[in-house]
C-alpha cells in the first residue's frame, strides 16, 4: 500500500512541475530553477543532506562487514560522495 501512495505523490508532483514550468520542464527538477540564489541554496542543501545522510546509511555495513567502527573511513566516503555531488552540478 505504501508503494501506491508513493506513486501517487510522485505523479502528482510531476504534474505540478509540468504546470509550473510548461514544456520546458527538464528531467532533473533542480535545473528548472535556473541560475540564482535559490538554485544555489537548494544545491547546497542537498550537499549538506548528503554529507550527513551517507555515514548513517553506511554505518551498519561498516559494523557488520568490516567488524570495526571506521570513523576515518566514514569521513573518506563522505568526502568522496560530496566531491561526486559537487562535480555533477
C-alpha atoms as a PDB file:
ATOM      1  CA  UNK A   1       0.000   0.000   0.000  1.00  0.00           C
ATOM      2  CA  UNK A   2       2.931   2.307   0.721  1.00  0.00           C
ATOM      3  CA  UNK A   3       4.191   1.908  -2.850  1.00  0.00           C
ATOM      4  CA  UNK A   4       0.857   3.024  -4.259  1.00  0.00           C
ATOM      5  CA  UNK A   5       0.819   6.199  -2.160  1.00  0.00           C
ATOM      6  CA  UNK A   6       4.413   6.905  -3.137  1.00  0.00           C
ATOM      7  CA  UNK A   7       3.483   6.517  -6.818  1.00  0.00           C
ATOM      8  CA  UNK A   8       0.511   8.864  -6.474  1.00  0.00           C
ATOM      9  CA  UNK A   9       2.589  11.540  -4.733  1.00  0.00           C
ATOM     10  CA  UNK A  10       5.349  11.317  -7.360  1.00  0.00           C
ATOM     11  CA  UNK A  11       2.865  11.554 -10.244  1.00  0.00           C
ATOM     12  CA  UNK A  12       1.125  14.497  -8.590  1.00  0.00           C
ATOM     13  CA  UNK A  13       4.483  16.244  -8.095  1.00  0.00           C
ATOM     14  CA  UNK A  14       5.359  15.642 -11.747  1.00  0.00           C
ATOM     15  CA  UNK A  15       2.054  17.107 -12.944  1.00  0.00           C
ATOM     16  CA  UNK A  16       2.503  20.186 -10.739  1.00  0.00           C
ATOM     17  CA  UNK A  17       6.028  20.654 -12.065  1.00  0.00           C
ATOM     18  CA  UNK A  18       4.801  20.394 -15.629  1.00  0.00           C
ATOM     19  CA  UNK A  19       2.129  23.005 -14.979  1.00  0.00           C
ATOM     20  CA  UNK A  20       4.663  25.294 -13.303  1.00  0.00           C
ATOM     21  CA  UNK A  21       7.374  25.077 -15.966  1.00  0.00           C
ATOM     22  CA  UNK A  22       5.434  24.037 -19.092  1.00  0.00           C
ATOM     23  CA  UNK A  23       7.033  22.122 -21.920  1.00  0.00           C
ATOM     24  CA  UNK A  24      10.467  23.371 -20.904  1.00  0.00           C
ATOM     25  CA  UNK A  25      10.409  21.042 -17.880  1.00  0.00           C
ATOM     26  CA  UNK A  26      13.737  19.254 -17.503  1.00  0.00           C
ATOM     27  CA  UNK A  27      14.284  15.753 -16.110  1.00  0.00           C
ATOM     28  CA  UNK A  28      16.271  16.956 -13.097  1.00  0.00           C
ATOM     29  CA  UNK A  29      13.848  19.213 -11.267  1.00  0.00           C
ATOM     30  CA  UNK A  30      16.513  21.419  -9.682  1.00  0.00           C
ATOM     31  CA  UNK A  31      17.736  22.548 -13.101  1.00  0.00           C
ATOM     32  CA  UNK A  32      14.302  24.076 -13.703  1.00  0.00           C
ATOM     33  CA  UNK A  33      15.070  26.660 -11.036  1.00  0.00           C
ATOM     34  CA  UNK A  34      17.625  28.289 -13.319  1.00  0.00           C
ATOM     35  CA  UNK A  35      20.636  30.217 -12.114  1.00  0.00           C
ATOM     36  CA  UNK A  36      20.473  32.288  -8.995  1.00  0.00           C
ATOM     37  CA  UNK A  37      20.436  32.309  -5.242  1.00  0.00           C
ATOM     38  CA  UNK A  38      17.512  29.900  -4.831  1.00  0.00           C
ATOM     39  CA  UNK A  39      19.080  27.289  -7.078  1.00  0.00           C
ATOM     40  CA  UNK A  40      22.407  27.574  -5.266  1.00  0.00           C
ATOM     41  CA  UNK A  41      20.743  27.274  -1.861  1.00  0.00           C
ATOM     42  CA  UNK A  42      18.864  24.145  -2.949  1.00  0.00           C
ATOM     43  CA  UNK A  43      22.061  22.553  -4.278  1.00  0.00           C
ATOM     44  CA  UNK A  44      23.966  23.428  -1.096  1.00  0.00           C
ATOM     45  CA  UNK A  45      21.113  21.986   0.967  1.00  0.00           C
ATOM     46  CA  UNK A  46      21.267  18.742  -0.995  1.00  0.00           C
ATOM     47  CA  UNK A  47      25.034  18.533  -0.470  1.00  0.00           C
ATOM     48  CA  UNK A  48      24.591  19.076   3.273  1.00  0.00           C
ATOM     49  CA  UNK A  49      21.920  16.373   3.266  1.00  0.00           C
ATOM     50  CA  UNK A  50      24.309  14.006   1.516  1.00  0.00           C
ATOM     51  CA  UNK A  51      27.085  14.887   3.940  1.00  0.00           C
ATOM     52  CA  UNK A  52      25.014  13.878   6.979  1.00  0.00           C
ATOM     53  CA  UNK A  53      22.996  11.016   5.470  1.00  0.00           C
ATOM     54  CA  UNK A  54      25.706   8.931   3.808  1.00  0.00           C
ATOM     55  CA  UNK A  55      27.522   7.914   7.022  1.00  0.00           C
ATOM     56  CA  UNK A  56      24.204   6.928   8.604  1.00  0.00           C
ATOM     57  CA  UNK A  57      23.370   4.635   5.704  1.00  0.00           C
ATOM     58  CA  UNK A  58      26.809   3.049   5.620  1.00  0.00           C
ATOM     59  CA  UNK A  59      27.254   2.572   9.383  1.00  0.00           C
ATOM     60  CA  UNK A  60      25.598  -0.905   9.515  1.00  0.00           C
ATOM     61  CA  UNK A  61      27.793  -2.008   6.612  1.00  0.00           C
ATOM     62  CA  UNK A  62      30.928  -0.930   8.439  1.00  0.00           C
ATOM     63  CA  UNK A  63      29.910  -2.645  11.662  1.00  0.00           C
ATOM     64  CA  UNK A  64      28.722  -5.919  10.106  1.00  0.00           C
ATOM     65  CA  UNK A  65      31.042  -6.380   7.158  1.00  0.00           C
ATOM     66  CA  UNK A  66      34.225  -4.712   8.353  1.00  0.00           C
ATOM     67  CA  UNK A  67      33.837  -5.527  12.036  1.00  0.00           C
ATOM     68  CA  UNK A  68      35.001  -2.129  13.263  1.00  0.00           C
ATOM     69  CA  UNK A  69      33.812   1.423  13.635  1.00  0.00           C
ATOM     70  CA  UNK A  70      35.776   3.137  10.905  1.00  0.00           C
ATOM     71  CA  UNK A  71      35.378   6.831  11.616  1.00  0.00           C
ATOM     72  CA  UNK A  72      38.182   7.686   9.199  1.00  0.00           C
ATOM     73  CA  UNK A  73      36.593   5.511   6.534  1.00  0.00           C
ATOM     74  CA  UNK A  74      33.235   7.208   7.171  1.00  0.00           C
ATOM     75  CA  UNK A  75      34.777  10.586   6.570  1.00  0.00           C
ATOM     76  CA  UNK A  76      36.602   9.426   3.463  1.00  0.00           C
ATOM     77  CA  UNK A  77      33.361   8.096   1.960  1.00  0.00           C
ATOM     78  CA  UNK A  78      31.525  11.316   2.799  1.00  0.00           C
ATOM     79  CA  UNK A  79      34.237  13.476   1.251  1.00  0.00           C
ATOM     80  CA  UNK A  80      34.205  11.288  -1.860  1.00  0.00           C
ATOM     81  CA  UNK A  81      30.419  11.499  -2.065  1.00  0.00           C
ATOM     82  CA  UNK A  82      30.455  15.278  -1.703  1.00  0.00           C
ATOM     83  CA  UNK A  83      33.100  15.593  -4.422  1.00  0.00           C
ATOM     84  CA  UNK A  84      30.987  13.482  -6.757  1.00  0.00           C
ATOM     85  CA  UNK A  85      27.855  15.502  -5.912  1.00  0.00           C
ATOM     86  CA  UNK A  86      29.544  18.859  -6.443  1.00  0.00           C
ATOM     87  CA  UNK A  87      31.220  17.687  -9.652  1.00  0.00           C
ATOM     88  CA  UNK A  88      27.839  16.647 -11.025  1.00  0.00           C
ATOM     89  CA  UNK A  89      26.251  20.056 -10.503  1.00  0.00           C
END
